[in-house]
Amino acid sequence: MTDMNSFLRRRPSRGFTLIEIMVVVVILGILAALVAPNVMRRIDDAQITKVKQDLRAFETALNLYKMDNYKYPTTEQGLKALITQPNDPTVRNWKQGGYLGNSGQLKDPWQNDYLYVYPGQHGEYDIYTLGADGQEGGEGVNADRGNWQTE
């Protein structure tokens, strides 16, 4: 029994070699290179979906606003008229609590303000975002998206 204990005590501890660590790092790098673009694409898709949902919610809120007040907010009043009552004597039936429910969010997923124009060029009113870059034009996640494009 003592021979076995002395054998166990004298056995050197073995760590990882530099080559083994490098192989693991390279494998992790390859996996990250394959997975990262797919994850980023999913994030972009989710943000675009969020824009479409926001535009539909604004359309619903604007229609409710018009039903109560017989007109849409002006461009100057903007989408803020859905959250706080405009200082306009003709807006008499404004709904307490606003028209957007608890969200009250007027920013797109990239933290830029949604833009509103009444009367619109594409319909009665235009609600749109300039995309991730915040500039007109662009493609993919940077493309402008408006209520006239929603399915």
Protein backbone atom coordinates (compact mmCIF):
# COMPACT_ATOMS: atom_id res chain seq x y z
CA MET A 1 0.00 0.00 0.00
CA THR A 2 2.81 2.43 0.75
CA ASP A 3 4.36 1.74 -2.63
CA MET A 4 1.13 2.78 -4.32
CA ASN A 5 0.88 6.02 -2.27
CA SER A 6 4.45 6.97 -3.06
CA PHE A 7 3.84 6.25 -6.75
CA LEU A 8 0.80 8.53 -6.80
CA ARG A 9 2.68 11.31 -5.04
CA ARG A 10 5.63 11.22 -7.41
CA ARG A 11 3.55 11.30 -10.62
CA PRO A 12 4.10 14.68 -12.27
CA SER A 13 1.01 16.76 -13.06
CA ARG A 14 0.51 17.26 -16.74
CA GLY A 15 -0.91 20.51 -18.20
CA PHE A 16 -1.87 21.46 -21.74
CA THR A 17 0.86 22.09 -24.26
CA LEU A 18 1.00 25.29 -26.26
CA ILE A 19 0.06 23.36 -29.41
CA GLU A 20 -3.09 21.94 -27.78
CA ILE A 21 -4.15 25.39 -26.63
CA MET A 22 -3.51 26.86 -30.09
CA VAL A 23 -5.61 24.12 -31.74
CA VAL A 24 -8.52 24.91 -29.41
CA VAL A 25 -8.20 28.65 -30.08
CA VAL A 26 -8.17 28.09 -33.85
CA ILE A 27 -11.26 25.85 -33.64
CA LEU A 28 -13.09 28.47 -31.56
CA GLY A 29 -12.09 31.16 -34.08
CA ILE A 30 -13.44 29.13 -36.99
CA LEU A 31 -16.72 28.51 -35.15
CA ALA A 32 -17.06 32.20 -34.32
CA ALA A 33 -16.41 33.14 -37.96
CA LEU A 34 -19.16 30.78 -39.10
CA VAL A 35 -21.74 31.67 -36.43
CA ALA A 36 -21.28 35.46 -36.07
CA PRO A 37 -22.64 36.47 -39.53
CA ASN A 38 -25.76 34.36 -38.99
CA VAL A 39 -26.37 35.93 -35.59
CA MET A 40 -25.87 39.45 -36.97
CA ARG A 41 -28.28 38.74 -39.84
CA ARG A 42 -30.89 37.59 -37.31
CA ILE A 43 -30.48 40.81 -35.34
CA ASP A 44 -30.98 42.86 -38.52
CA ASP A 45 -34.07 40.81 -39.43
CA ALA A 46 -35.51 41.34 -35.95
CA GLN A 47 -34.99 45.11 -36.18
CA ILE A 48 -36.71 45.26 -39.58
CA THR A 49 -39.63 43.23 -38.20
CA LYS A 50 -39.84 45.64 -35.26
CA VAL A 51 -40.08 48.58 -37.68
CA LYS A 52 -42.99 46.91 -39.51
CA GLN A 53 -44.80 46.28 -36.21
CA ASP A 54 -44.21 49.87 -35.07
CA LEU A 55 -45.57 51.25 -38.35
CA ARG A 56 -48.75 49.17 -38.00
CA ALA A 57 -49.16 50.34 -34.39
CA PHE A 58 -48.78 53.98 -35.50
CA GLU A 59 -51.37 53.47 -38.24
CA THR A 60 -53.85 52.04 -35.74
CA ALA A 61 -53.19 54.85 -33.26
CA LEU A 62 -53.55 57.50 -35.97
CA ASN A 63 -56.85 56.03 -37.11
CA LEU A 64 -58.14 56.08 -33.53
CA TYR A 65 -56.93 59.68 -33.18
CA LYS A 66 -58.82 60.62 -36.35
CA MET A 67 -61.98 58.87 -35.16
CA ASP A 68 -61.89 60.90 -31.93
CA ASN A 69 -60.78 64.24 -33.38
CA TYR A 70 -62.01 64.08 -37.01
CA LYS A 71 -58.54 64.74 -38.39
CA TYR A 72 -54.97 63.48 -38.25
CA PRO A 73 -52.24 65.36 -36.36
CA THR A 74 -50.39 67.95 -38.40
CA THR A 75 -46.79 67.40 -39.45
CA GLU A 76 -45.74 69.92 -36.77
CA GLN A 77 -47.67 68.07 -34.05
CA GLY A 78 -46.16 64.84 -35.31
CA LEU A 79 -46.45 61.44 -33.67
CA LYS A 80 -46.08 63.12 -30.27
CA ALA A 81 -49.78 64.00 -30.62
CA LEU A 82 -50.46 60.30 -30.00
CA ILE A 83 -48.80 60.51 -26.57
CA THR A 84 -49.50 64.03 -25.31
CA GLN A 85 -52.47 66.19 -26.21
CA PRO A 86 -51.54 68.87 -28.73
CA ASN A 87 -52.01 72.51 -27.81
CA ASP A 88 -54.74 72.87 -30.42
CA PRO A 89 -58.29 74.00 -29.52
CA THR A 90 -59.76 71.89 -32.34
CA VAL A 91 -58.52 68.69 -30.67
CA ARG A 92 -61.42 68.27 -28.22
CA ASN A 93 -61.79 64.51 -27.85
CA TRP A 94 -58.20 63.52 -27.24
CA LYS A 95 -58.05 60.18 -25.40
CA GLN A 96 -56.62 60.40 -21.87
CA GLY A 97 -53.56 58.16 -21.67
CA GLY A 98 -52.76 58.58 -25.35
CA TYR A 99 -53.18 56.34 -28.34
CA LEU A 100 -50.06 54.19 -28.15
CA GLY A 101 -50.78 52.38 -24.91
CA ASN A 102 -47.92 51.76 -22.54
CA SER A 103 -45.19 51.74 -25.17
CA GLY A 104 -45.21 55.42 -26.12
CA GLN A 105 -42.06 54.69 -28.11
CA LEU A 106 -41.40 57.08 -30.97
CA LYS A 107 -37.90 55.83 -31.79
CA ASP A 108 -36.97 53.15 -34.28
CA PRO A 109 -34.78 50.15 -33.30
CA TRP A 110 -31.66 52.23 -34.06
CA GLN A 111 -32.80 54.99 -31.66
CA ASN A 112 -33.66 57.48 -34.41
CA ASP A 113 -37.02 59.26 -34.36
CA TYR A 114 -39.75 57.94 -36.61
CA LEU A 115 -40.73 60.62 -39.10
CA TYR A 116 -44.32 61.68 -39.80
CA VAL A 117 -45.70 63.85 -42.61
CA TYR A 118 -49.32 64.89 -43.09
CA PRO A 119 -50.51 65.04 -45.79
CA GLY A 120 -48.23 62.33 -47.12
CA GLN A 121 -46.74 61.75 -50.54
CA HIS A 122 -47.61 58.03 -50.50
CA GLY A 123 -51.02 58.19 -48.84
CA GLU A 124 -53.03 60.26 -46.37
CA TYR A 125 -49.94 60.40 -44.15
CA ASP A 126 -46.42 59.02 -44.24
CA ILE A 127 -44.68 57.41 -41.28
CA TYR A 128 -41.15 56.23 -41.93
CA THR A 129 -37.67 55.57 -40.65
CA LEU A 130 -34.40 56.27 -42.44
CA GLY A 131 -32.95 52.94 -41.33
CA ALA A 132 -29.87 52.15 -39.29
CA ASP A 133 -27.71 54.82 -40.92
CA GLY A 134 -30.28 57.60 -40.30
CA GLN A 135 -29.79 58.90 -43.86
CA GLU A 136 -32.07 58.81 -46.90
CA GLY A 137 -31.63 55.86 -49.22
CA GLY A 138 -29.58 52.81 -48.48
CA GLU A 139 -29.98 49.06 -48.74
CA GLY A 140 -30.65 46.24 -46.33
CA VAL A 141 -30.75 47.44 -42.74
CA ASN A 142 -29.94 51.00 -43.91
CA ALA A 143 -32.95 51.19 -46.26
CA ASP A 144 -35.75 53.66 -45.63
CA ARG A 145 -38.97 51.94 -44.54
CA GLY A 146 -42.40 53.52 -44.47
CA ASN A 147 -46.03 52.66 -43.85
CA TRP A 148 -46.67 52.56 -47.60
CA GLN A 149 -44.37 49.51 -47.84
CA THR A 150 -45.92 47.29 -45.18
CA GLU A 151 -47.66 44.14 -46.28
